[in-house]
């Protein structure tokens, strides 16, 4: 009788643990919930251009500013960033990355390395990367839960085919992306 009671108690404890939020989560399940929270696969597939705007931090430099990102599916991106009263504009047209030099006002083509980074960013701002990550050669890995400011977040690592990684913080109650952390131009870490 004592063994049976212990076994039943152990099963109830395990059931409680496995049903608790975050346990047994995997990246694909969380990603599906993110897609649903954003309106579902069909809605996201129908969106062809998006504008994001808000504060950003250049964490290693201790700077903050405002950023506006204009994205056109699948891989076109323009970024207008205002830091310390200076406007910085960069863009990727699907093939070539360019920037407007804030000192001269002239448009300049970016290096091959910078173009690769801009292409990744262009893909990362699109909805297709959430709906069809395999088409862009992207995988996701669940990294656990983390408290970000006052939000409980699932942490997903987004891994590009070349090994580049982006960290997504998904608010656990709403399944909306709360924060994105990535390196840009292989040098600066940025939180959006």
Protein backbone atom coordinates (compact mmCIF):
# COMPACT_ATOMS: atom_id res chain seq x y z
CA UNK A 1 0.00 0.00 0.00
CA UNK A 2 2.82 2.41 0.90
CA UNK A 3 4.55 1.80 -2.46
CA UNK A 4 1.31 2.38 -4.38
CA UNK A 5 0.64 5.64 -2.53
CA UNK A 6 4.24 6.84 -3.18
CA UNK A 7 3.94 5.94 -6.86
CA UNK A 8 0.62 7.84 -7.20
CA UNK A 9 2.04 10.86 -5.36
CA UNK A 10 5.12 10.85 -7.60
CA UNK A 11 2.91 10.74 -10.71
CA UNK A 12 0.85 13.72 -9.50
CA UNK A 13 4.02 15.70 -8.80
CA UNK A 14 5.44 14.90 -12.25
CA UNK A 15 2.14 15.79 -13.88
CA UNK A 16 2.14 19.15 -12.07
CA UNK A 17 5.71 19.88 -13.13
CA UNK A 18 5.22 18.95 -16.78
CA UNK A 19 2.07 21.07 -17.02
CA UNK A 20 3.71 24.15 -15.52
CA UNK A 21 4.37 27.01 -17.92
CA UNK A 22 7.71 26.74 -19.70
CA UNK A 23 8.40 23.07 -18.93
CA UNK A 24 8.53 20.95 -22.01
CA UNK A 25 8.35 24.01 -24.25
CA UNK A 26 10.14 23.83 -27.54
CA UNK A 27 10.98 26.50 -30.06
CA UNK A 28 8.53 25.28 -32.71
CA UNK A 29 5.57 25.33 -30.28
CA UNK A 30 6.45 28.84 -29.12
CA UNK A 31 6.96 30.02 -32.71
CA UNK A 32 3.51 28.67 -33.65
CA UNK A 33 2.01 30.63 -30.74
CA UNK A 34 3.84 33.80 -31.89
CA UNK A 35 2.38 33.35 -35.39
CA UNK A 36 -1.11 32.86 -33.89
CA UNK A 37 -0.71 35.94 -31.64
CA UNK A 38 0.20 38.02 -34.69
CA UNK A 39 -2.98 37.00 -36.51
CA UNK A 40 -2.13 33.58 -37.88
CA UNK A 41 -0.24 32.15 -40.82
CA UNK A 42 -2.72 33.34 -43.49
CA UNK A 43 -2.72 36.95 -42.22
CA UNK A 44 1.08 37.09 -41.97
CA UNK A 45 1.52 35.64 -45.45
CA UNK A 46 -0.71 38.44 -46.77
CA UNK A 47 1.39 41.27 -45.31
CA UNK A 48 3.87 42.51 -47.89
CA UNK A 49 5.33 45.59 -46.20
CA UNK A 50 5.72 46.67 -42.59
CA UNK A 51 6.99 49.68 -40.67
CA UNK A 52 8.43 49.37 -37.16
CA UNK A 53 9.29 52.38 -35.05
CA UNK A 54 10.54 52.82 -31.51
CA UNK A 55 13.49 53.22 -29.14
CA UNK A 56 16.73 51.30 -29.54
CA UNK A 57 19.94 50.90 -27.57
CA UNK A 58 23.50 50.48 -28.79
CA UNK A 59 24.42 48.64 -25.62
CA UNK A 60 28.20 48.47 -26.06
CA UNK A 61 28.42 52.17 -26.83
CA UNK A 62 25.99 53.26 -24.14
CA UNK A 63 23.88 55.14 -26.67
CA UNK A 64 20.17 55.16 -27.28
CA UNK A 65 18.04 56.64 -29.98
CA UNK A 66 15.00 56.20 -32.16
CA UNK A 67 14.75 53.79 -35.04
CA UNK A 68 12.30 53.30 -37.88
CA UNK A 69 12.51 50.20 -40.03
CA UNK A 70 10.70 49.89 -43.35
CA UNK A 71 10.49 46.29 -44.57
CA UNK A 72 9.15 44.86 -47.82
CA UNK A 73 8.83 41.07 -48.12
CA UNK A 74 10.89 39.03 -48.42
CA UNK A 75 14.23 40.83 -48.06
CA UNK A 76 14.16 44.59 -48.58
CA UNK A 77 14.88 46.89 -45.65
CA UNK A 78 15.51 50.56 -44.92
CA UNK A 79 16.59 51.71 -41.46
CA UNK A 80 16.43 55.33 -40.30
CA UNK A 81 18.20 55.67 -36.98
CA UNK A 82 18.54 58.88 -35.00
CA UNK A 83 21.36 58.87 -32.43
CA UNK A 84 22.79 61.97 -30.74
CA UNK A 85 20.91 64.26 -33.13
CA UNK A 86 22.42 62.53 -36.18
CA UNK A 87 20.33 60.69 -38.79
CA UNK A 88 21.80 57.41 -40.07
CA UNK A 89 20.10 55.72 -43.03
CA UNK A 90 21.01 52.24 -44.26
CA UNK A 91 19.17 50.02 -46.72
CA UNK A 92 19.21 46.68 -48.51
CA UNK A 93 17.34 46.43 -51.83
CA UNK A 94 17.44 42.63 -52.05
CA UNK A 95 20.86 42.65 -53.70
CA UNK A 96 22.91 45.67 -52.64
CA UNK A 97 23.31 47.37 -49.27
CA UNK A 98 23.90 51.11 -49.16
CA UNK A 99 23.95 53.94 -46.66
CA UNK A 100 23.69 57.69 -46.64
CA UNK A 101 26.87 59.06 -45.13
CA UNK A 102 25.66 61.33 -42.29
CA UNK A 103 28.66 63.63 -42.71
CA UNK A 104 28.47 64.19 -46.47
CA UNK A 105 24.84 63.30 -47.24
CA UNK A 106 26.05 61.12 -50.13
CA UNK A 107 24.82 57.60 -50.83
CA UNK A 108 27.55 54.93 -50.55
CA UNK A 109 27.51 51.19 -51.28
CA UNK A 110 28.39 49.04 -48.25
CA UNK A 111 31.11 46.41 -48.09
CA UNK A 112 30.35 42.74 -48.78
CA UNK A 113 30.38 41.95 -45.04
CA UNK A 114 28.00 44.81 -44.30
CA UNK A 115 25.74 43.66 -47.17
CA UNK A 116 25.60 40.16 -45.65
CA UNK A 117 24.58 41.65 -42.29
CA UNK A 118 21.95 43.87 -43.91
CA UNK A 119 20.52 40.89 -45.81
CA UNK A 120 20.15 39.00 -42.51
CA UNK A 121 18.45 41.98 -40.93
CA UNK A 122 16.13 42.33 -43.91
CA UNK A 123 15.11 38.68 -43.57
CA UNK A 124 14.76 39.04 -39.81
CA UNK A 125 12.25 41.89 -40.03
CA UNK A 126 9.95 39.95 -42.32
CA UNK A 127 6.96 37.83 -41.44
CA UNK A 128 8.06 35.00 -43.71
CA UNK A 129 10.90 34.21 -41.29
CA UNK A 130 8.27 33.34 -38.67
CA UNK A 131 5.91 31.49 -40.99
CA UNK A 132 8.45 29.69 -43.21
CA UNK A 133 11.85 29.80 -41.43
CA UNK A 134 13.05 26.71 -43.29
CA UNK A 135 12.84 28.58 -46.62
CA UNK A 136 15.40 31.09 -45.34
CA UNK A 137 17.57 28.35 -43.81
CA UNK A 138 16.73 29.45 -40.27
CA UNK A 139 16.20 27.29 -37.22
CA UNK A 140 15.09 28.15 -33.68
CA UNK A 141 16.27 26.86 -30.32
CA UNK A 142 14.43 27.28 -27.00
CA UNK A 143 16.83 28.74 -24.42
CA UNK A 144 14.53 28.80 -21.40
CA UNK A 145 12.69 31.58 -19.62
CA UNK A 146 14.03 34.92 -18.49
CA UNK A 147 12.69 37.98 -16.69
CA UNK A 148 13.13 41.01 -18.97
CA UNK A 149 12.29 44.23 -17.19
CA UNK A 150 8.83 43.37 -15.79
CA UNK A 151 7.97 40.66 -18.34
CA UNK A 152 8.31 36.89 -18.12
CA UNK A 153 9.75 35.86 -21.46
CA UNK A 154 10.53 32.74 -23.39
CA UNK A 155 13.97 33.06 -24.94
CA UNK A 156 14.39 31.78 -28.50
CA UNK A 157 17.68 31.70 -30.32
CA UNK A 158 17.23 32.24 -34.04
CA UNK A 159 20.06 30.57 -35.97
CA UNK A 160 20.83 31.45 -39.59
CA UNK A 161 22.39 28.89 -41.95
CA UNK A 162 25.79 30.60 -41.61
CA UNK A 163 25.70 30.35 -37.80
CA UNK A 164 24.65 33.96 -37.10
CA UNK A 165 22.38 34.15 -34.05
CA UNK A 166 19.63 36.51 -32.90
CA UNK A 167 17.94 36.31 -29.50
CA UNK A 168 14.17 36.80 -29.37
CA UNK A 169 12.41 37.49 -26.07
CA UNK A 170 8.77 36.33 -26.35
CA UNK A 171 6.39 37.63 -23.67
CA UNK A 172 4.97 34.43 -22.13
CA UNK A 173 1.40 35.73 -21.60
CA UNK A 174 0.82 37.25 -25.03
CA UNK A 175 3.37 35.38 -27.18
CA UNK A 176 4.37 38.69 -28.75
CA UNK A 177 8.02 39.51 -29.40
CA UNK A 178 9.01 41.82 -26.57
CA UNK A 179 12.67 42.42 -27.41
CA UNK A 180 15.25 41.43 -30.02
CA UNK A 181 18.98 41.27 -29.31
CA UNK A 182 21.48 40.99 -32.12
CA UNK A 183 24.86 42.11 -33.36
CA UNK A 184 24.93 44.41 -36.34
CA UNK A 185 27.82 44.74 -38.71
CA UNK A 186 29.52 41.99 -36.68
CA UNK A 187 30.52 44.64 -34.16
CA UNK A 188 27.74 46.28 -32.16
CA UNK A 189 25.14 44.59 -30.02
CA UNK A 190 21.72 46.18 -30.45
CA UNK A 191 18.52 45.72 -28.45
CA UNK A 192 15.25 46.63 -30.14
